[in-house]
N, C-alpha and C. Protein backbone atom coordinates (compact mmCIF):
# COMPACT_ATOMS: atom_id res chain seq x y z
N MET A 1 83.97 89.24 101.40
CA MET A 1 84.69 89.27 100.13
C MET A 1 85.93 90.16 100.27
N ALA A 2 86.90 89.94 99.37
CA ALA A 2 88.12 90.73 99.39
C ALA A 2 87.83 92.16 98.96
N THR A 3 88.74 93.05 99.28
CA THR A 3 88.59 94.47 98.96
C THR A 3 89.18 94.75 97.58
N PRO A 4 88.35 95.10 96.58
CA PRO A 4 88.87 95.32 95.22
C PRO A 4 89.96 96.39 95.17
N VAL A 5 89.82 97.44 95.96
CA VAL A 5 90.81 98.52 95.94
C VAL A 5 92.18 97.99 96.36
N LEU A 6 92.21 97.07 97.31
CA LEU A 6 93.49 96.52 97.76
C LEU A 6 94.21 95.83 96.61
N SER A 7 93.51 94.99 95.87
CA SER A 7 94.11 94.29 94.74
C SER A 7 94.68 95.29 93.73
N HIS A 8 93.91 96.32 93.44
CA HIS A 8 94.33 97.34 92.46
C HIS A 8 95.57 98.08 92.94
N GLU A 9 95.58 98.47 94.22
CA GLU A 9 96.70 99.22 94.75
C GLU A 9 97.97 98.37 94.82
N LEU A 10 97.82 97.09 95.13
CA LEU A 10 98.98 96.21 95.16
C LEU A 10 99.58 96.02 93.77
N GLU A 11 98.73 95.96 92.76
CA GLU A 11 99.22 95.86 91.38
C GLU A 11 100.04 97.09 91.02
N LYS A 12 99.56 98.27 91.46
CA LYS A 12 100.30 99.50 91.18
C LYS A 12 101.62 99.54 91.95
N TYR A 13 101.60 99.01 93.17
CA TYR A 13 102.79 99.02 94.02
C TYR A 13 103.90 98.18 93.39
N GLY A 14 103.53 97.02 92.88
CA GLY A 14 104.41 96.25 92.01
C GLY A 14 105.62 95.59 92.61
N ARG A 15 105.60 95.26 93.89
CA ARG A 15 106.72 94.51 94.44
C ARG A 15 106.28 93.78 95.71
N ASP A 16 107.14 92.87 96.15
CA ASP A 16 106.84 92.10 97.34
C ASP A 16 106.81 93.03 98.56
N LEU A 17 106.03 92.63 99.57
CA LEU A 17 105.79 93.51 100.71
C LEU A 17 106.54 93.11 101.97
N LYS A 18 107.29 92.01 101.92
CA LYS A 18 108.06 91.54 103.07
C LYS A 18 107.15 91.23 104.26
N ARG A 19 107.21 92.01 105.35
CA ARG A 19 106.44 91.69 106.55
C ARG A 19 105.18 92.55 106.60
N VAL A 20 104.02 91.90 106.67
CA VAL A 20 102.73 92.55 106.46
C VAL A 20 101.81 92.33 107.66
N LEU A 21 101.03 93.38 108.00
CA LEU A 21 100.02 93.27 109.06
C LEU A 21 98.70 93.82 108.57
N VAL A 22 97.62 93.08 108.86
CA VAL A 22 96.26 93.57 108.61
C VAL A 22 95.53 93.58 109.95
N PRO A 23 95.46 94.74 110.63
CA PRO A 23 94.72 94.81 111.89
C PRO A 23 93.22 94.82 111.61
N GLY A 24 92.45 94.15 112.47
CA GLY A 24 91.02 94.05 112.21
C GLY A 24 90.77 93.25 110.95
N CYS A 25 91.43 92.09 110.83
CA CYS A 25 91.40 91.34 109.56
C CYS A 25 90.06 90.69 109.27
N GLY A 26 89.16 90.63 110.26
CA GLY A 26 87.84 90.08 110.01
C GLY A 26 87.88 88.65 109.49
N SER A 27 87.17 88.40 108.40
CA SER A 27 87.07 87.04 107.85
C SER A 27 88.31 86.60 107.07
N GLY A 28 89.26 87.51 106.87
CA GLY A 28 90.54 87.12 106.29
C GLY A 28 90.66 87.16 104.77
N TYR A 29 89.65 87.68 104.08
CA TYR A 29 89.72 87.68 102.61
C TYR A 29 90.87 88.55 102.09
N ASP A 30 91.16 89.66 102.80
CA ASP A 30 92.27 90.51 102.35
C ASP A 30 93.61 89.82 102.55
N LEU A 31 93.69 88.88 103.47
CA LEU A 31 94.91 88.09 103.64
C LEU A 31 95.15 87.24 102.39
N ILE A 32 94.07 86.71 101.84
CA ILE A 32 94.18 85.90 100.62
C ILE A 32 94.72 86.77 99.48
N THR A 33 94.19 87.99 99.36
CA THR A 33 94.67 88.91 98.32
C THR A 33 96.16 89.16 98.47
N LEU A 34 96.61 89.37 99.70
CA LEU A 34 98.02 89.63 99.96
C LEU A 34 98.88 88.41 99.65
N ILE A 35 98.37 87.22 99.93
CA ILE A 35 99.11 85.99 99.62
C ILE A 35 99.29 85.85 98.12
N TYR A 36 98.23 86.12 97.35
CA TYR A 36 98.33 86.01 95.90
C TYR A 36 99.28 87.06 95.34
N HIS A 37 99.27 88.26 95.93
CA HIS A 37 100.21 89.30 95.50
C HIS A 37 101.64 88.82 95.73
N ARG A 38 101.88 88.26 96.90
CA ARG A 38 103.21 87.74 97.22
C ARG A 38 103.64 86.69 96.20
N SER A 39 102.74 85.79 95.86
CA SER A 39 103.06 84.71 94.92
C SER A 39 103.40 85.25 93.54
N SER A 40 102.71 86.30 93.13
CA SER A 40 102.92 86.85 91.79
C SER A 40 104.30 87.48 91.64
N TYR A 41 104.93 87.83 92.78
CA TYR A 41 106.28 88.41 92.72
C TYR A 41 107.33 87.44 93.24
N GLY A 42 106.92 86.20 93.47
CA GLY A 42 107.87 85.20 93.95
C GLY A 42 108.44 85.55 95.30
N GLY A 43 107.67 86.29 96.08
CA GLY A 43 108.16 86.76 97.37
C GLY A 43 107.96 85.75 98.49
N SER A 44 108.41 86.14 99.65
CA SER A 44 108.28 85.27 100.83
C SER A 44 107.76 86.09 102.01
N SER A 45 106.82 86.96 101.76
CA SER A 45 106.29 87.82 102.81
C SER A 45 105.73 87.01 103.97
N GLU A 46 105.92 87.55 105.16
CA GLU A 46 105.23 87.03 106.34
C GLU A 46 103.99 87.89 106.52
N ILE A 47 102.82 87.27 106.47
CA ILE A 47 101.55 87.99 106.52
C ILE A 47 100.83 87.66 107.82
N VAL A 48 100.50 88.72 108.58
CA VAL A 48 99.85 88.54 109.87
C VAL A 48 98.48 89.21 109.85
N GLY A 49 97.45 88.43 110.18
CA GLY A 49 96.10 88.97 110.35
C GLY A 49 95.82 89.05 111.84
N LEU A 50 95.33 90.18 112.30
CA LEU A 50 95.09 90.40 113.73
C LEU A 50 93.65 90.83 113.95
N ASP A 51 92.99 90.22 114.92
CA ASP A 51 91.62 90.61 115.24
C ASP A 51 91.35 90.30 116.71
N LEU A 52 90.50 91.13 117.32
CA LEU A 52 90.16 90.96 118.73
C LEU A 52 89.04 89.94 118.91
N SER A 53 88.28 89.69 117.85
CA SER A 53 87.11 88.82 117.93
C SER A 53 87.47 87.36 117.71
N PRO A 54 87.21 86.48 118.68
CA PRO A 54 87.46 85.05 118.48
C PRO A 54 86.68 84.48 117.30
N THR A 55 85.46 84.97 117.10
CA THR A 55 84.64 84.49 115.98
C THR A 55 85.29 84.84 114.65
N SER A 56 85.79 86.08 114.54
CA SER A 56 86.46 86.50 113.30
C SER A 56 87.72 85.68 113.06
N ILE A 57 88.46 85.41 114.12
CA ILE A 57 89.69 84.63 113.98
C ILE A 57 89.37 83.22 113.48
N GLN A 58 88.36 82.60 114.04
CA GLN A 58 87.97 81.26 113.60
C GLN A 58 87.55 81.28 112.14
N ARG A 59 86.78 82.30 111.77
CA ARG A 59 86.32 82.43 110.38
C ARG A 59 87.51 82.64 109.44
N ALA A 60 88.44 83.51 109.83
CA ALA A 60 89.60 83.78 108.98
C ALA A 60 90.44 82.53 108.78
N LYS A 61 90.64 81.77 109.83
CA LYS A 61 91.41 80.53 109.71
C LYS A 61 90.72 79.53 108.79
N TYR A 62 89.40 79.49 108.89
CA TYR A 62 88.62 78.61 108.02
C TYR A 62 88.76 79.03 106.55
N ILE A 63 88.64 80.34 106.29
CA ILE A 63 88.73 80.85 104.92
C ILE A 63 90.11 80.55 104.34
N VAL A 64 91.14 80.79 105.12
CA VAL A 64 92.50 80.54 104.65
C VAL A 64 92.69 79.06 104.33
N ARG A 65 92.15 78.19 105.17
CA ARG A 65 92.25 76.75 104.91
C ARG A 65 91.49 76.37 103.64
N GLU A 66 90.35 77.03 103.43
CA GLU A 66 89.55 76.74 102.23
C GLU A 66 90.33 77.03 100.95
N TYR A 67 91.27 77.96 101.04
CA TYR A 67 92.11 78.31 99.89
C TYR A 67 93.36 77.43 99.85
N GLY A 68 93.41 76.44 100.74
CA GLY A 68 94.53 75.52 100.74
C GLY A 68 95.79 76.10 101.35
N LEU A 69 95.64 77.08 102.25
CA LEU A 69 96.78 77.75 102.85
C LEU A 69 96.79 77.53 104.36
N SER A 70 97.93 77.78 104.97
CA SER A 70 98.05 77.59 106.41
C SER A 70 99.25 78.36 106.93
N ASP A 71 99.56 78.20 108.23
CA ASP A 71 100.70 78.89 108.81
C ASP A 71 102.00 78.54 108.09
N SER A 72 102.05 77.35 107.52
CA SER A 72 103.27 76.93 106.81
C SER A 72 103.48 77.74 105.54
N ASN A 73 102.45 78.47 105.09
CA ASN A 73 102.57 79.33 103.92
C ASN A 73 102.97 80.75 104.29
N GLY A 74 103.42 80.94 105.52
CA GLY A 74 103.83 82.28 105.94
C GLY A 74 102.67 83.18 106.30
N VAL A 75 101.55 82.56 106.72
CA VAL A 75 100.37 83.32 107.12
C VAL A 75 100.09 83.02 108.60
N GLU A 76 99.96 84.07 109.38
CA GLU A 76 99.68 83.89 110.80
C GLU A 76 98.43 84.70 111.15
N ILE A 77 97.45 84.04 111.76
CA ILE A 77 96.20 84.71 112.14
C ILE A 77 96.15 84.72 113.66
N VAL A 78 96.15 85.92 114.22
CA VAL A 78 96.35 86.09 115.66
C VAL A 78 95.15 86.76 116.31
N GLU A 79 94.67 86.17 117.40
CA GLU A 79 93.64 86.83 118.21
C GLU A 79 94.34 87.74 119.21
N GLY A 80 94.05 89.04 119.14
CA GLY A 80 94.74 89.94 120.04
C GLY A 80 94.31 91.37 119.87
N ASP A 81 94.79 92.20 120.78
CA ASP A 81 94.48 93.62 120.83
C ASP A 81 95.57 94.40 120.09
N PHE A 82 95.19 95.15 119.08
CA PHE A 82 96.12 95.96 118.30
C PHE A 82 96.99 96.85 119.18
N PHE A 83 96.42 97.39 120.24
CA PHE A 83 97.14 98.34 121.08
C PHE A 83 98.13 97.67 122.03
N ASN A 84 98.03 96.35 122.16
CA ASN A 84 98.95 95.60 123.01
C ASN A 84 99.55 94.41 122.28
N PHE A 85 99.64 94.53 120.98
CA PHE A 85 100.12 93.43 120.15
C PHE A 85 101.60 93.19 120.43
N SER A 86 101.92 92.02 120.97
CA SER A 86 103.28 91.76 121.44
C SER A 86 104.16 91.04 120.42
N GLN A 87 103.60 90.66 119.27
CA GLN A 87 104.36 89.90 118.29
C GLN A 87 104.87 90.78 117.15
N ALA A 88 105.17 92.01 117.47
CA ALA A 88 105.57 92.96 116.44
C ALA A 88 107.01 92.76 115.97
N LYS A 89 107.83 92.06 116.75
CA LYS A 89 109.24 91.83 116.40
C LYS A 89 109.90 93.17 116.06
N ASP A 90 110.43 93.27 114.84
CA ASP A 90 111.11 94.51 114.43
C ASP A 90 110.21 95.43 113.63
N GLY A 91 108.92 95.21 113.68
CA GLY A 91 108.00 96.06 112.94
C GLY A 91 107.61 95.46 111.60
N PHE A 92 106.77 96.20 110.88
CA PHE A 92 106.22 95.72 109.61
C PHE A 92 106.60 96.65 108.47
N ASP A 93 106.76 96.05 107.29
CA ASP A 93 107.06 96.83 106.09
C ASP A 93 105.80 97.41 105.46
N PHE A 94 104.66 96.78 105.75
CA PHE A 94 103.40 97.21 105.14
C PHE A 94 102.25 96.88 106.07
N ILE A 95 101.38 97.85 106.31
CA ILE A 95 100.16 97.63 107.07
C ILE A 95 98.98 98.15 106.24
N PHE A 96 97.92 97.36 106.22
CA PHE A 96 96.70 97.75 105.50
C PHE A 96 95.59 97.99 106.51
N ASP A 97 95.02 99.19 106.48
CA ASP A 97 93.92 99.55 107.38
C ASP A 97 92.73 100.02 106.55
N TYR A 98 91.65 99.27 106.65
CA TYR A 98 90.44 99.67 105.92
C TYR A 98 89.35 100.07 106.90
N THR A 99 88.73 99.12 107.50
CA THR A 99 87.61 99.44 108.39
C THR A 99 88.01 99.34 109.86
N PHE A 100 89.30 99.57 110.14
CA PHE A 100 89.77 99.49 111.52
C PHE A 100 89.74 100.87 112.20
N PHE A 101 90.36 101.85 111.57
CA PHE A 101 90.37 103.21 112.13
C PHE A 101 88.95 103.72 112.37
N CYS A 102 88.07 103.50 111.41
CA CYS A 102 86.70 104.02 111.53
C CYS A 102 85.87 103.25 112.55
N ALA A 103 86.38 102.11 113.02
CA ALA A 103 85.67 101.36 114.06
C ALA A 103 86.03 101.84 115.46
N LEU A 104 87.05 102.69 115.53
CA LEU A 104 87.54 103.15 116.84
C LEU A 104 86.84 104.43 117.27
N PRO A 105 86.45 104.54 118.53
CA PRO A 105 85.91 105.81 119.03
C PRO A 105 86.98 106.89 118.98
N HIS A 106 86.55 108.12 119.01
CA HIS A 106 87.43 109.27 118.81
C HIS A 106 88.64 109.25 119.76
N ASN A 107 88.45 108.82 121.00
CA ASN A 107 89.53 108.88 121.98
C ASN A 107 90.64 107.86 121.72
N LEU A 108 90.42 106.94 120.78
CA LEU A 108 91.45 105.96 120.45
C LEU A 108 92.20 106.30 119.15
N ARG A 109 91.87 107.43 118.54
CA ARG A 109 92.55 107.79 117.30
C ARG A 109 94.02 108.13 117.52
N GLN A 110 94.32 108.92 118.52
CA GLN A 110 95.72 109.24 118.78
C GLN A 110 96.52 108.00 119.19
N PRO A 111 95.98 107.14 120.07
CA PRO A 111 96.70 105.89 120.36
C PRO A 111 96.91 105.03 119.12
N TRP A 112 95.93 105.04 118.19
CA TRP A 112 96.09 104.31 116.92
C TRP A 112 97.29 104.86 116.16
N GLY A 113 97.40 106.18 116.07
CA GLY A 113 98.53 106.79 115.36
C GLY A 113 99.86 106.44 116.01
N LYS A 114 99.91 106.51 117.33
CA LYS A 114 101.14 106.19 118.05
C LYS A 114 101.52 104.73 117.84
N ARG A 115 100.51 103.87 117.84
CA ARG A 115 100.79 102.45 117.64
C ARG A 115 101.30 102.19 116.23
N MET A 116 100.72 102.86 115.23
CA MET A 116 101.21 102.72 113.87
C MET A 116 102.67 103.17 113.77
N GLY A 117 102.99 104.23 114.50
CA GLY A 117 104.37 104.71 114.51
C GLY A 117 105.34 103.69 115.08
N LYS A 118 104.85 102.82 115.96
CA LYS A 118 105.68 101.76 116.54
C LYS A 118 105.75 100.54 115.62
N LEU A 119 104.64 100.25 114.94
CA LEU A 119 104.54 99.01 114.17
C LEU A 119 105.12 99.11 112.76
N VAL A 120 105.01 100.28 112.13
CA VAL A 120 105.54 100.43 110.77
C VAL A 120 107.03 100.78 110.85
N LYS A 121 107.84 99.99 110.17
CA LYS A 121 109.28 100.25 110.14
C LYS A 121 109.56 101.59 109.48
N ARG A 122 110.70 102.19 109.79
CA ARG A 122 111.13 103.37 109.06
C ARG A 122 111.32 102.97 107.59
N GLY A 123 110.69 103.70 106.70
CA GLY A 123 110.70 103.36 105.29
C GLY A 123 109.56 102.44 104.89
N GLY A 124 108.81 101.93 105.89
CA GLY A 124 107.66 101.09 105.62
C GLY A 124 106.44 101.91 105.22
N ARG A 125 105.42 101.21 104.71
CA ARG A 125 104.24 101.91 104.19
C ARG A 125 102.96 101.47 104.88
N LEU A 126 102.06 102.43 104.97
CA LEU A 126 100.72 102.22 105.52
C LEU A 126 99.73 102.60 104.43
N LEU A 127 98.85 101.66 104.08
CA LEU A 127 97.79 101.94 103.11
C LEU A 127 96.48 102.04 103.87
N THR A 128 95.83 103.21 103.77
CA THR A 128 94.54 103.41 104.44
C THR A 128 93.46 103.70 103.40
N LEU A 129 92.34 103.02 103.54
CA LEU A 129 91.16 103.37 102.77
C LEU A 129 90.29 104.19 103.71
N VAL A 130 90.27 105.49 103.47
CA VAL A 130 89.64 106.43 104.39
C VAL A 130 88.14 106.44 104.13
N TYR A 131 87.39 105.87 105.07
CA TYR A 131 85.94 105.70 104.93
C TYR A 131 85.33 105.57 106.32
N PRO A 132 84.11 106.09 106.53
CA PRO A 132 83.25 106.91 105.67
C PRO A 132 83.56 108.40 105.87
N ILE A 133 83.93 109.06 104.78
CA ILE A 133 84.30 110.47 104.85
C ILE A 133 83.08 111.33 105.10
N ASP A 134 83.20 112.19 106.09
CA ASP A 134 82.13 113.13 106.44
C ASP A 134 82.83 114.37 106.97
N GLU A 135 82.97 115.39 106.11
CA GLU A 135 83.73 116.59 106.48
C GLU A 135 83.12 117.35 107.65
N LYS A 136 81.81 117.22 107.84
CA LYS A 136 81.15 117.95 108.92
C LYS A 136 81.31 117.24 110.26
N ASN A 137 81.32 115.93 110.25
CA ASN A 137 81.30 115.17 111.51
C ASN A 137 82.54 114.32 111.77
N GLY A 138 83.53 114.41 110.89
CA GLY A 138 84.70 113.57 111.03
C GLY A 138 85.46 113.76 112.32
N ASN A 139 85.39 114.96 112.89
CA ASN A 139 86.07 115.21 114.17
C ASN A 139 85.09 115.41 115.32
N ASN A 140 83.86 114.96 115.11
CA ASN A 140 82.82 115.10 116.12
C ASN A 140 82.93 113.95 117.13
N GLU A 141 83.32 114.28 118.35
CA GLU A 141 83.52 113.24 119.36
C GLU A 141 82.22 112.57 119.77
N SER A 142 81.08 113.18 119.43
CA SER A 142 79.79 112.61 119.79
C SER A 142 79.14 111.84 118.65
N ALA A 143 79.85 111.73 117.52
CA ALA A 143 79.30 111.04 116.35
C ALA A 143 78.99 109.58 116.69
N ILE A 144 77.96 109.07 116.04
CA ILE A 144 77.52 107.70 116.28
C ILE A 144 78.26 106.73 115.36
N GLY A 145 78.63 105.59 115.90
CA GLY A 145 79.31 104.57 115.12
C GLY A 145 79.43 103.29 115.93
N PRO A 146 80.16 102.31 115.48
CA PRO A 146 80.90 102.30 114.21
C PRO A 146 80.02 101.94 113.02
N PRO A 147 80.46 102.29 111.80
CA PRO A 147 81.69 103.05 111.56
C PRO A 147 81.51 104.52 111.94
N PHE A 148 82.55 105.09 112.55
CA PHE A 148 82.52 106.50 112.90
C PHE A 148 82.96 107.34 111.71
N PRO A 149 82.34 108.50 111.50
CA PRO A 149 82.74 109.35 110.37
C PRO A 149 84.19 109.80 110.52
N VAL A 150 84.87 109.95 109.39
CA VAL A 150 86.28 110.32 109.39
C VAL A 150 86.55 111.38 108.32
N THR A 151 87.73 111.94 108.38
CA THR A 151 88.27 112.80 107.32
C THR A 151 89.74 112.45 107.17
N VAL A 152 90.34 112.82 106.06
CA VAL A 152 91.77 112.60 105.88
C VAL A 152 92.54 113.38 106.94
N GLU A 153 92.05 114.58 107.28
CA GLU A 153 92.73 115.39 108.30
C GLU A 153 92.81 114.68 109.64
N GLU A 154 91.82 113.85 109.96
CA GLU A 154 91.85 113.11 111.22
C GLU A 154 93.01 112.10 111.23
N TYR A 155 93.30 111.52 110.09
CA TYR A 155 94.46 110.63 109.98
C TYR A 155 95.75 111.44 110.07
N GLU A 156 95.79 112.56 109.36
CA GLU A 156 96.98 113.40 109.37
C GLU A 156 97.35 113.84 110.78
N LYS A 157 96.35 114.21 111.55
CA LYS A 157 96.60 114.72 112.90
C LYS A 157 97.32 113.71 113.78
N VAL A 158 97.05 112.43 113.56
CA VAL A 158 97.65 111.41 114.42
C VAL A 158 98.84 110.70 113.78
N LEU A 159 99.00 110.81 112.46
CA LEU A 159 100.12 110.14 111.78
C LEU A 159 101.32 111.05 111.57
N PHE A 160 101.10 112.32 111.24
CA PHE A 160 102.22 113.22 111.02
C PHE A 160 103.15 113.30 112.24
N PRO A 161 102.62 113.39 113.47
CA PRO A 161 103.52 113.47 114.63
C PRO A 161 104.36 112.20 114.84
N GLU A 162 103.95 111.09 114.20
CA GLU A 162 104.67 109.83 114.36
C GLU A 162 105.66 109.58 113.22
N GLY A 163 105.89 110.60 112.41
CA GLY A 163 106.90 110.49 111.36
C GLY A 163 106.40 110.04 110.01
N PHE A 164 105.08 110.01 109.81
CA PHE A 164 104.54 109.58 108.52
C PHE A 164 104.43 110.75 107.55
N VAL A 165 104.74 110.46 106.30
CA VAL A 165 104.57 111.40 105.20
C VAL A 165 103.51 110.82 104.27
N LYS A 166 102.62 111.67 103.81
CA LYS A 166 101.58 111.21 102.89
C LYS A 166 102.15 111.16 101.47
N GLU A 167 102.15 109.96 100.88
CA GLU A 167 102.68 109.78 99.54
C GLU A 167 101.66 110.12 98.47
N SER A 168 100.43 109.71 98.68
CA SER A 168 99.40 109.95 97.67
C SER A 168 98.02 109.90 98.30
N GLU A 169 97.08 110.56 97.65
CA GLU A 169 95.69 110.61 98.10
C GLU A 169 94.80 110.71 96.87
N CYS A 170 93.91 109.75 96.67
CA CYS A 170 93.09 109.77 95.46
C CYS A 170 91.83 108.94 95.65
N THR A 171 90.92 109.11 94.73
CA THR A 171 89.76 108.23 94.65
C THR A 171 90.18 106.99 93.84
N SER A 172 89.33 105.99 93.80
CA SER A 172 89.63 104.78 93.04
C SER A 172 88.40 104.30 92.30
N GLU A 173 88.60 103.88 91.06
CA GLU A 173 87.52 103.29 90.28
C GLU A 173 87.08 101.95 90.88
N GLU A 174 87.94 101.37 91.72
CA GLU A 174 87.64 100.07 92.31
C GLU A 174 86.81 100.17 93.59
N THR A 175 86.55 101.37 94.06
CA THR A 175 85.70 101.54 95.24
C THR A 175 84.32 100.94 94.96
N VAL A 176 83.81 100.17 95.91
CA VAL A 176 82.50 99.56 95.70
C VAL A 176 81.44 100.65 95.57
N PRO A 177 80.41 100.44 94.74
CA PRO A 177 79.45 101.50 94.42
C PRO A 177 78.84 102.21 95.62
N GLN A 178 78.49 101.46 96.66
CA GLN A 178 77.82 102.09 97.79
C GLN A 178 78.74 102.99 98.62
N ARG A 179 80.05 102.95 98.32
CA ARG A 179 81.00 103.78 99.08
C ARG A 179 81.61 104.90 98.24
N LYS A 180 81.26 104.95 96.97
CA LYS A 180 81.79 106.01 96.12
C LYS A 180 81.36 107.38 96.64
N GLY A 181 82.31 108.30 96.62
CA GLY A 181 82.05 109.64 97.15
C GLY A 181 82.32 109.76 98.63
N ARG A 182 82.59 108.62 99.28
CA ARG A 182 82.83 108.64 100.72
C ARG A 182 84.12 107.93 101.09
N GLU A 183 84.95 107.65 100.08
CA GLU A 183 86.17 106.89 100.33
C GLU A 183 87.34 107.47 99.53
N LEU A 184 88.50 107.56 100.17
CA LEU A 184 89.73 107.95 99.51
C LEU A 184 90.83 106.93 99.84
N VAL A 185 91.72 106.75 98.87
CA VAL A 185 92.85 105.83 99.04
C VAL A 185 94.07 106.68 99.38
N VAL A 186 94.67 106.42 100.53
CA VAL A 186 95.82 107.22 100.97
C VAL A 186 96.98 106.31 101.35
N TRP A 187 98.13 106.54 100.70
CA TRP A 187 99.37 105.85 101.03
C TRP A 187 100.23 106.76 101.90
N TRP A 188 100.84 106.17 102.93
CA TRP A 188 101.74 106.88 103.83
C TRP A 188 103.06 106.12 103.90
N VAL A 189 104.16 106.84 104.11
CA VAL A 189 105.44 106.20 104.36
C VAL A 189 106.01 106.79 105.65
N ARG A 190 106.60 105.94 106.46
CA ARG A 190 107.15 106.42 107.73
C ARG A 190 108.59 106.85 107.53
N LYS A 191 108.86 108.12 107.88
CA LYS A 191 110.19 108.71 107.75
C LYS A 191 110.75 109.02 109.13
N ASP A 192 111.95 109.58 109.13
CA ASP A 192 112.52 110.12 110.36
C ASP A 192 111.71 111.36 110.74
N LYS A 193 111.29 111.46 111.98
CA LYS A 193 110.46 112.60 112.41
C LYS A 193 111.13 113.94 112.16
N ASN A 194 112.45 113.96 112.16
CA ASN A 194 113.18 115.23 112.01
C ASN A 194 113.67 115.48 110.60
N SER A 195 113.24 114.65 109.65
CA SER A 195 113.72 114.80 108.28
C SER A 195 113.13 116.06 107.64
N GLN A 196 113.84 116.58 106.64
CA GLN A 196 113.36 117.75 105.93
C GLN A 196 112.05 117.45 105.23
N GLU A 197 111.89 116.21 104.76
CA GLU A 197 110.66 115.82 104.08
C GLU A 197 109.47 115.93 105.02
N MET A 198 109.69 115.57 106.29
CA MET A 198 108.62 115.70 107.28
C MET A 198 108.26 117.16 107.47
N LYS A 199 109.28 118.03 107.53
CA LYS A 199 109.04 119.44 107.80
C LYS A 199 108.28 120.12 106.66
N THR A 200 108.49 119.61 105.44
CA THR A 200 107.85 120.24 104.29
C THR A 200 106.66 119.44 103.78
N ASN A 201 106.22 118.46 104.54
CA ASN A 201 105.12 117.59 104.10
C ASN A 201 103.86 118.39 103.83
N GLU A 202 103.32 118.24 102.63
CA GLU A 202 102.10 118.95 102.27
C GLU A 202 100.92 118.26 102.91
N LYS A 203 100.09 119.03 103.61
CA LYS A 203 99.04 118.42 104.40
C LYS A 203 97.72 118.27 103.68
N LYS A 204 97.55 118.87 102.49
CA LYS A 204 96.25 118.76 101.84
C LYS A 204 96.41 118.52 100.35
N GLN A 205 95.43 117.79 99.80
CA GLN A 205 95.32 117.58 98.37
C GLN A 205 93.87 117.87 98.00
N PRO A 206 93.52 119.14 97.85
CA PRO A 206 92.13 119.55 97.69
C PRO A 206 91.42 118.89 96.52
N GLU A 207 92.12 118.68 95.39
CA GLU A 207 91.44 118.13 94.21
C GLU A 207 90.90 116.74 94.49
N ALA A 208 91.70 115.90 95.14
CA ALA A 208 91.24 114.54 95.43
C ALA A 208 90.04 114.58 96.37
N ARG A 209 90.08 115.45 97.38
CA ARG A 209 88.99 115.50 98.32
C ARG A 209 87.73 116.09 97.67
N SER A 210 87.91 117.06 96.79
CA SER A 210 86.74 117.61 96.10
C SER A 210 86.10 116.54 95.25
N SER A 211 86.93 115.73 94.60
CA SER A 211 86.38 114.65 93.77
C SER A 211 85.57 113.67 94.59
N ALA A 212 86.10 113.38 95.78
CA ALA A 212 85.38 112.43 96.64
C ALA A 212 84.04 112.97 97.05
N LYS A 213 83.98 114.27 97.33
CA LYS A 213 82.72 114.88 97.76
C LYS A 213 81.71 114.96 96.63
N GLU A 214 82.24 115.15 95.39
CA GLU A 214 81.33 115.40 94.27
C GLU A 214 80.77 114.13 93.65
N GLN A 215 81.41 112.98 93.90
CA GLN A 215 80.95 111.74 93.25
C GLN A 215 79.58 111.33 93.75
C-alpha cells in the first residue's frame, strides 16, 4: 500500500516536483502517489522508481499498469543499484527515502549520504521518513536488521557533509499506528557546502524527538 505520510507531505509541499527518484521503490505504490500529486498540479514530472530486486521491479511495473499508467506517462521503473545508478542525468529535484536507509548496514550509511549529495540537485529536496528510531542502538554497528535501528543524528552525520540543510523535523498524524513513536518526518534541502546557511545549520530539534519517544 502507499505511504500515507507521503501523500500528506506532498499536499503540504504544494507544487510540482519536476524530476523525482524513489530508491528502493518496492511494489511501486509510492510512485502512484507521486503521479497523482503531479496530476493535481498539472505538472510534467519525470518519476523514476529504482530497486535492486527483479521481483520488486516486476511487481512495480504490474501495479503501475493496473492504474493505467506506463513509461509514456513519465514513469520509469529501473532495476539497478542505487550506488551505481547511471541514469542520474543532471540529478533530481526530489528524492523520497522511506525504508531504504534503514535497510542498509551501518557501513553503507556514509556512501548513501555521498550518493544523495550527487543525486539531489542544488536546491533540490530529500524527504526521509526516519524509521525505526532507536536512540540507544541507532549507531550500533552490530545491530540486527533490516530494518536496522536509526536516529536522526545518523542521517545528519552523512548528509550535512554533502551540503544538506535540515528544513524541518516532526512527527505526523499520518504515521501508521504500529510505527508511531518510532518515526519522524524530516525534510532536507541541498545547499552549497560553503554557504552561511550550512555553517549555521541547527543540528537538533529536541521537541520533535521527545515527542517521537513519548508517543
